[in-house]
Amino acid sequence: MTAPDAVSDGSAVGAFARSAGRVLLPLAVSAVVVLLLWVAFLQVFGIRRLIGKTPLDVWNWLVTDPKAAANRDVVLANLAVTFRDAGVGFVAGMTAAIVVAVLFVLFRSIEQTFLPVAMLLRSVPLVAMAPVIVLIFGRDLVGVAVIGGIVVFFPALVNIVFGLRSAPRQSRDLVLAYGGSPWTVIRKVALPSALPALFASARIS
């Protein structure tokens, strides 16, 4: 290996180390802060060990306890259920938000009719709506998906509508001038322009 190649390899390793440090160091600091706050919260409020477990208690229960494997299985099984329910709610809420946003942009009468109702429903706390949702849809996957979808739907709807309407007017006029329909404008201009708003909505959700 020549000297320039060695310098280049050293520079690449150094750059990788700096990049990894910029990512890992904040994560490590955040983890330490969370653990310290966890312990301080238990100590300041005098929470008994029977109710509030310390990080060491959790570590022992998951790793060093003789029944640690069974304990991990219990946690992972319930975590899988949570991910499934949250995923279904997320997909349902985002899909509904996209469809409704497109309808709002295509048909202003629909927006004028249903947007006030949507905003009124959004102002109702989910805790107050949950019993009604459970009564209608039950406690199974459908009910949980509806609750998750409501959490995702309203913020995503506002952002996506804004993103669809932020498409360049010149591009919309060009599609219409060449005989394109409003639906073509949505597909070829508005939806691509709304991708940043869509990804932002997904991140918020």
C-alpha atoms as a PDB file:
ATOM      1  CA  MET A   1       0.000   0.000   0.000  1.00  0.00           C
ATOM      2  CA  THR A   2       1.371   3.388  -0.963  1.00  0.00           C
ATOM      3  CA  ALA A   3       1.534   6.315   1.422  1.00  0.00           C
ATOM      4  CA  PRO A   4      -1.357   8.200  -0.234  1.00  0.00           C
ATOM      5  CA  ASP A   5      -3.522   5.070   0.020  1.00  0.00           C
ATOM      6  CA  ALA A   6      -2.687   4.702   3.710  1.00  0.00           C
ATOM      7  CA  VAL A   7      -3.528   8.351   4.330  1.00  0.00           C
ATOM      8  CA  SER A   8      -6.798   7.949   2.434  1.00  0.00           C
ATOM      9  CA  ASP A   9      -7.730   4.843   4.452  1.00  0.00           C
ATOM     10  CA  GLY A  10      -6.850   6.614   7.688  1.00  0.00           C
ATOM     11  CA  SER A  11      -8.958   9.606   6.721  1.00  0.00           C
ATOM     12  CA  ALA A  12     -11.906   7.338   5.885  1.00  0.00           C
ATOM     13  CA  VAL A  13     -11.634   5.533   9.226  1.00  0.00           C
ATOM     14  CA  GLY A  14     -11.363   8.833  11.056  1.00  0.00           C
ATOM     15  CA  ALA A  15     -14.397  10.238   9.254  1.00  0.00           C
ATOM     16  CA  PHE A  16     -16.388   7.103  10.063  1.00  0.00           C
ATOM     17  CA  ALA A  17     -15.362   7.288  13.719  1.00  0.00           C
ATOM     18  CA  ARG A  18     -16.392  10.939  13.915  1.00  0.00           C
ATOM     19  CA  SER A  19     -19.747  10.199  12.272  1.00  0.00           C
ATOM     20  CA  ALA A  20     -20.369   7.272  14.612  1.00  0.00           C
ATOM     21  CA  GLY A  21     -19.401   9.436  17.584  1.00  0.00           C
ATOM     22  CA  ARG A  22     -21.845  12.152  16.550  1.00  0.00           C
ATOM     23  CA  VAL A  23     -24.634   9.562  16.482  1.00  0.00           C
ATOM     24  CA  LEU A  24     -23.716   7.364  19.452  1.00  0.00           C
ATOM     25  CA  LEU A  25     -22.585  10.020  21.920  1.00  0.00           C
ATOM     26  CA  PRO A  26     -25.974  11.799  22.126  1.00  0.00           C
ATOM     27  CA  LEU A  27     -27.685   8.422  22.470  1.00  0.00           C
ATOM     28  CA  ALA A  28     -25.385   7.432  25.316  1.00  0.00           C
ATOM     29  CA  VAL A  29     -25.861  10.764  27.073  1.00  0.00           C
ATOM     30  CA  SER A  30     -29.648  10.505  26.665  1.00  0.00           C
ATOM     31  CA  ALA A  31     -29.643   6.972  28.085  1.00  0.00           C
ATOM     32  CA  VAL A  32     -27.611   8.061  31.124  1.00  0.00           C
ATOM     33  CA  VAL A  33     -29.881  11.062  31.737  1.00  0.00           C
ATOM     34  CA  VAL A  34     -33.007   8.895  31.505  1.00  0.00           C
ATOM     35  CA  LEU A  35     -31.568   6.358  33.966  1.00  0.00           C
ATOM     36  CA  LEU A  36     -30.576   9.099  36.419  1.00  0.00           C
ATOM     37  CA  LEU A  37     -34.030  10.706  36.198  1.00  0.00           C
ATOM     38  CA  TRP A  38     -35.618   7.282  36.688  1.00  0.00           C
ATOM     39  CA  VAL A  39     -33.690   6.645  39.900  1.00  0.00           C
ATOM     40  CA  ALA A  40     -34.152  10.222  41.133  1.00  0.00           C
ATOM     41  CA  PHE A  41     -37.912  10.038  40.578  1.00  0.00           C
ATOM     42  CA  LEU A  42     -38.161   6.872  42.687  1.00  0.00           C
ATOM     43  CA  GLN A  43     -36.027   8.381  45.442  1.00  0.00           C
ATOM     44  CA  VAL A  44     -37.627  11.835  45.573  1.00  0.00           C
ATOM     45  CA  PHE A  45     -41.191  10.553  45.724  1.00  0.00           C
ATOM     46  CA  GLY A  46     -40.357   7.624  47.989  1.00  0.00           C
ATOM     47  CA  ILE A  47     -41.943   5.030  45.717  1.00  0.00           C
ATOM     48  CA  ARG A  48     -41.734   1.549  47.189  1.00  0.00           C
ATOM     49  CA  ARG A  49     -39.799  -1.164  45.358  1.00  0.00           C
ATOM     50  CA  LEU A  50     -42.991  -3.204  45.139  1.00  0.00           C
ATOM     51  CA  ILE A  51     -44.477  -0.555  42.817  1.00  0.00           C
ATOM     52  CA  GLY A  52     -41.548   1.244  41.207  1.00  0.00           C
ATOM     53  CA  LYS A  53     -38.616  -0.837  40.017  1.00  0.00           C
ATOM     54  CA  THR A  54     -35.115   0.536  39.590  1.00  0.00           C
ATOM     55  CA  PRO A  55     -33.119   0.037  36.394  1.00  0.00           C
ATOM     56  CA  LEU A  56     -31.098  -2.650  38.199  1.00  0.00           C
ATOM     57  CA  ASP A  57     -34.294  -4.488  39.146  1.00  0.00           C
ATOM     58  CA  VAL A  58     -35.424  -4.461  35.527  1.00  0.00           C
ATOM     59  CA  TRP A  59     -32.005  -5.665  34.360  1.00  0.00           C
ATOM     60  CA  ASN A  60     -32.052  -8.523  36.841  1.00  0.00           C
ATOM     61  CA  TRP A  61     -35.601  -9.499  35.895  1.00  0.00           C
ATOM     62  CA  LEU A  62     -34.752  -9.592  32.184  1.00  0.00           C
ATOM     63  CA  VAL A  63     -31.157 -10.891  32.255  1.00  0.00           C
ATOM     64  CA  THR A  64     -29.804 -12.395  35.450  1.00  0.00           C
ATOM     65  CA  ASP A  65     -32.893 -13.891  37.091  1.00  0.00           C
ATOM     66  CA  PRO A  66     -33.248 -17.684  36.762  1.00  0.00           C
ATOM     67  CA  LYS A  67     -36.580 -17.077  35.000  1.00  0.00           C
ATOM     68  CA  ALA A  68     -35.165 -14.320  32.781  1.00  0.00           C
ATOM     69  CA  ALA A  69     -35.826 -16.233  29.552  1.00  0.00           C
ATOM     70  CA  ALA A  70     -39.497 -16.709  30.427  1.00  0.00           C
ATOM     71  CA  ASN A  71     -39.730 -13.073  31.489  1.00  0.00           C
ATOM     72  CA  ARG A  72     -38.290 -11.923  28.169  1.00  0.00           C
ATOM     73  CA  ASP A  73     -40.761 -14.136  26.314  1.00  0.00           C
ATOM     74  CA  VAL A  74     -43.650 -12.479  28.155  1.00  0.00           C
ATOM     75  CA  VAL A  75     -42.374  -8.990  27.336  1.00  0.00           C
ATOM     76  CA  LEU A  76     -41.642  -9.786  23.683  1.00  0.00           C
ATOM     77  CA  ALA A  77     -45.028 -11.460  23.181  1.00  0.00           C
ATOM     78  CA  ASN A  78     -46.864  -8.408  24.492  1.00  0.00           C
ATOM     79  CA  LEU A  79     -44.554  -6.101  22.553  1.00  0.00           C
ATOM     80  CA  ALA A  80     -45.441  -7.959  19.358  1.00  0.00           C
ATOM     81  CA  VAL A  81     -49.141  -7.392  20.067  1.00  0.00           C
ATOM     82  CA  THR A  82     -48.484  -3.709  20.676  1.00  0.00           C
ATOM     83  CA  PHE A  83     -46.508  -3.338  17.428  1.00  0.00           C
ATOM     84  CA  ARG A  84     -49.245  -5.159  15.503  1.00  0.00           C
ATOM     85  CA  ASP A  85     -52.036  -2.987  16.883  1.00  0.00           C
ATOM     86  CA  ALA A  86     -50.051   0.239  16.507  1.00  0.00           C
ATOM     87  CA  GLY A  87     -49.032  -0.699  12.965  1.00  0.00           C
ATOM     88  CA  VAL A  88     -52.598  -1.422  11.888  1.00  0.00           C
ATOM     89  CA  GLY A  89     -53.792   1.850  13.427  1.00  0.00           C
ATOM     90  CA  PHE A  90     -50.953   3.793  11.808  1.00  0.00           C
ATOM     91  CA  VAL A  91     -51.563   2.362   8.332  1.00  0.00           C
ATOM     92  CA  ALA A  92     -55.332   2.813   8.613  1.00  0.00           C
ATOM     93  CA  GLY A  93     -55.014   6.402   9.854  1.00  0.00           C
ATOM     94  CA  MET A  94     -52.490   7.431   7.199  1.00  0.00           C
ATOM     95  CA  THR A  95     -54.475   5.780   4.400  1.00  0.00           C
ATOM     96  CA  ALA A  96     -57.695   7.449   5.502  1.00  0.00           C
ATOM     97  CA  ALA A  97     -55.925  10.810   5.821  1.00  0.00           C
ATOM     98  CA  ILE A  98     -54.522  10.562   2.277  1.00  0.00           C
ATOM     99  CA  VAL A  99     -57.891   9.580   0.771  1.00  0.00           C
ATOM    100  CA  VAL A 100     -59.821  12.296   2.612  1.00  0.00           C
ATOM    101  CA  ALA A 101     -57.166  14.928   1.816  1.00  0.00           C
ATOM    102  CA  VAL A 102     -57.401  14.109  -1.910  1.00  0.00           C
ATOM    103  CA  LEU A 103     -61.201  14.372  -1.738  1.00  0.00           C
ATOM    104  CA  PHE A 104     -60.926  17.721   0.056  1.00  0.00           C
ATOM    105  CA  VAL A 105     -58.625  19.074  -2.653  1.00  0.00           C
ATOM    106  CA  LEU A 106     -60.714  17.730  -5.540  1.00  0.00           C
ATOM    107  CA  PHE A 107     -64.105  18.707  -4.130  1.00  0.00           C
ATOM    108  CA  ARG A 108     -64.240  21.890  -2.077  1.00  0.00           C
ATOM    109  CA  SER A 109     -67.865  21.186  -1.158  1.00  0.00           C
ATOM    110  CA  ILE A 110     -66.805  18.021   0.662  1.00  0.00           C
ATOM    111  CA  GLU A 111     -64.166  19.963   2.570  1.00  0.00           C
ATOM    112  CA  GLN A 112     -66.609  22.702   3.521  1.00  0.00           C
ATOM    113  CA  THR A 113     -69.072  20.075   4.732  1.00  0.00           C
ATOM    114  CA  PHE A 114     -66.852  17.677   6.637  1.00  0.00           C
ATOM    115  CA  LEU A 115     -63.808  19.673   7.763  1.00  0.00           C
ATOM    116  CA  PRO A 116     -65.722  21.500  10.525  1.00  0.00           C
ATOM    117  CA  VAL A 117     -67.059  18.144  11.715  1.00  0.00           C
ATOM    118  CA  ALA A 118     -63.541  16.697  11.691  1.00  0.00           C
ATOM    119  CA  MET A 119     -62.183  19.639  13.666  1.00  0.00           C
ATOM    120  CA  LEU A 120     -65.046  19.315  16.160  1.00  0.00           C
ATOM    121  CA  LEU A 121     -64.299  15.619  16.644  1.00  0.00           C
ATOM    122  CA  ARG A 122     -60.608  16.429  17.008  1.00  0.00           C
ATOM    123  CA  SER A 123     -61.403  18.727  19.926  1.00  0.00           C
ATOM    124  CA  VAL A 124     -63.050  15.870  21.849  1.00  0.00           C
ATOM    125  CA  PRO A 125     -60.486  14.124  24.096  1.00  0.00           C
ATOM    126  CA  LEU A 126     -59.757  10.582  22.999  1.00  0.00           C
ATOM    127  CA  VAL A 127     -60.310   9.403  26.576  1.00  0.00           C
ATOM    128  CA  ALA A 128     -63.912  10.567  26.292  1.00  0.00           C
ATOM    129  CA  MET A 129     -64.357   8.897  22.895  1.00  0.00           C
ATOM    130  CA  ALA A 130     -62.718   5.597  23.862  1.00  0.00           C
ATOM    131  CA  PRO A 131     -65.754   4.079  25.651  1.00  0.00           C
ATOM    132  CA  VAL A 132     -67.979   4.813  22.644  1.00  0.00           C
ATOM    133  CA  ILE A 133     -65.402   3.352  20.252  1.00  0.00           C
ATOM    134  CA  VAL A 134     -65.074   0.228  22.401  1.00  0.00           C
ATOM    135  CA  LEU A 135     -68.860  -0.090  22.566  1.00  0.00           C
ATOM    136  CA  ILE A 136     -69.152   0.120  18.763  1.00  0.00           C
ATOM    137  CA  PHE A 137     -66.054  -1.768  17.606  1.00  0.00           C
ATOM    138  CA  GLY A 138     -65.219  -3.924  20.632  1.00  0.00           C
ATOM    139  CA  ARG A 139     -61.912  -4.468  22.397  1.00  0.00           C
ATOM    140  CA  ASP A 140     -60.302  -6.549  19.648  1.00  0.00           C
ATOM    141  CA  LEU A 141     -57.941  -5.488  16.888  1.00  0.00           C
ATOM    142  CA  VAL A 142     -60.583  -3.425  15.097  1.00  0.00           C
ATOM    143  CA  GLY A 143     -61.300  -1.261  18.134  1.00  0.00           C
ATOM    144  CA  VAL A 144     -57.621  -0.714  18.849  1.00  0.00           C
ATOM    145  CA  ALA A 145     -56.987   0.089  15.172  1.00  0.00           C
ATOM    146  CA  VAL A 146     -59.784   2.679  15.184  1.00  0.00           C
ATOM    147  CA  ILE A 147     -58.319   4.389  18.244  1.00  0.00           C
ATOM    148  CA  GLY A 148     -54.825   4.358  16.713  1.00  0.00           C
ATOM    149  CA  GLY A 149     -56.200   5.564  13.397  1.00  0.00           C
ATOM    150  CA  ILE A 150     -57.927   8.527  15.055  1.00  0.00           C
ATOM    151  CA  VAL A 151     -54.662   9.542  16.718  1.00  0.00           C
ATOM    152  CA  VAL A 152     -52.892   9.477  13.340  1.00  0.00           C
ATOM    153  CA  PHE A 153     -55.711  10.754  11.124  1.00  0.00           C
ATOM    154  CA  PHE A 154     -56.313  14.356  12.182  1.00  0.00           C
ATOM    155  CA  PRO A 155     -52.736  15.729  12.258  1.00  0.00           C
ATOM    156  CA  ALA A 156     -51.929  13.872   9.039  1.00  0.00           C
ATOM    157  CA  LEU A 157     -55.060  15.210   7.307  1.00  0.00           C
ATOM    158  CA  VAL A 158     -54.173  18.848   7.946  1.00  0.00           C
ATOM    159  CA  ASN A 159     -50.543  18.406   6.844  1.00  0.00           C
ATOM    160  CA  ILE A 160     -51.366  16.434   3.712  1.00  0.00           C
ATOM    161  CA  VAL A 161     -54.065  18.878   2.588  1.00  0.00           C
ATOM    162  CA  PHE A 162     -51.553  21.701   2.987  1.00  0.00           C
ATOM    163  CA  GLY A 163     -48.964  19.687   1.041  1.00  0.00           C
ATOM    164  CA  LEU A 164     -51.374  18.931  -1.808  1.00  0.00           C
ATOM    165  CA  ARG A 165     -52.268  22.600  -2.131  1.00  0.00           C
ATOM    166  CA  SER A 166     -48.631  23.694  -2.092  1.00  0.00           C
ATOM    167  CA  ALA A 167     -48.005  22.253  -5.561  1.00  0.00           C
ATOM    168  CA  PRO A 168     -46.652  24.864  -8.041  1.00  0.00           C
ATOM    169  CA  ARG A 169     -49.509  26.563  -9.834  1.00  0.00           C
ATOM    170  CA  GLN A 170     -47.554  26.636 -13.113  1.00  0.00           C
ATOM    171  CA  SER A 171     -47.277  22.831 -13.055  1.00  0.00           C
ATOM    172  CA  ARG A 172     -50.991  22.429 -12.393  1.00  0.00           C
ATOM    173  CA  ASP A 173     -51.863  24.826 -15.198  1.00  0.00           C
ATOM    174  CA  LEU A 174     -49.532  22.993 -17.579  1.00  0.00           C
ATOM    175  CA  VAL A 175     -51.248  19.648 -16.948  1.00  0.00           C
ATOM    176  CA  LEU A 176     -54.674  21.235 -17.406  1.00  0.00           C
ATOM    177  CA  ALA A 177     -53.544  23.004 -20.580  1.00  0.00           C
ATOM    178  CA  TYR A 178     -52.544  19.658 -22.097  1.00  0.00           C
ATOM    179  CA  GLY A 179     -55.980  18.219 -21.389  1.00  0.00           C
ATOM    180  CA  GLY A 180     -55.278  16.612 -18.033  1.00  0.00           C
ATOM    181  CA  SER A 181     -58.093  16.165 -15.556  1.00  0.00           C
ATOM    182  CA  PRO A 182     -58.022  17.353 -11.932  1.00  0.00           C
ATOM    183  CA  TRP A 183     -57.279  13.757 -10.961  1.00  0.00           C
ATOM    184  CA  THR A 184     -54.255  13.826 -13.271  1.00  0.00           C
ATOM    185  CA  VAL A 185     -53.096  17.003 -11.550  1.00  0.00           C
ATOM    186  CA  ILE A 186     -53.380  15.217  -8.203  1.00  0.00           C
ATOM    187  CA  ARG A 187     -51.422  12.186  -9.410  1.00  0.00           C
ATOM    188  CA  LYS A 188     -48.689  13.910 -11.383  1.00  0.00           C
ATOM    189  CA  VAL A 189     -48.234  17.204  -9.536  1.00  0.00           C
ATOM    190  CA  ALA A 190     -49.942  17.446  -6.158  1.00  0.00           C
ATOM    191  CA  LEU A 191     -49.038  14.066  -4.673  1.00  0.00           C
ATOM    192  CA  PRO A 192     -45.308  14.335  -5.515  1.00  0.00           C
ATOM    193  CA  SER A 193     -45.297  17.873  -4.090  1.00  0.00           C
ATOM    194  CA  ALA A 194     -47.029  16.627  -0.941  1.00  0.00           C
ATOM    195  CA  LEU A 195     -44.434  13.921  -0.190  1.00  0.00           C
ATOM    196  CA  PRO A 196     -42.516  16.091   2.328  1.00  0.00           C
ATOM    197  CA  ALA A 197     -45.771  16.797   4.177  1.00  0.00           C
ATOM    198  CA  LEU A 198     -46.666  13.098   3.998  1.00  0.00           C
ATOM    199  CA  PHE A 199     -43.332  12.023   5.472  1.00  0.00           C
ATOM    200  CA  ALA A 200     -43.587  14.727   8.126  1.00  0.00           C
ATOM    201  CA  SER A 201     -47.055  13.451   9.047  1.00  0.00           C
ATOM    202  CA  ALA A 202     -45.755   9.908   9.263  1.00  0.00           C
ATOM    203  CA  ARG A 203     -42.915  11.007  11.498  1.00  0.00           C
ATOM    204  CA  ILE A 204     -45.251  12.977  13.799  1.00  0.00           C
ATOM    205  CA  SER A 205     -47.662  10.053  13.957  1.00  0.00           C
END
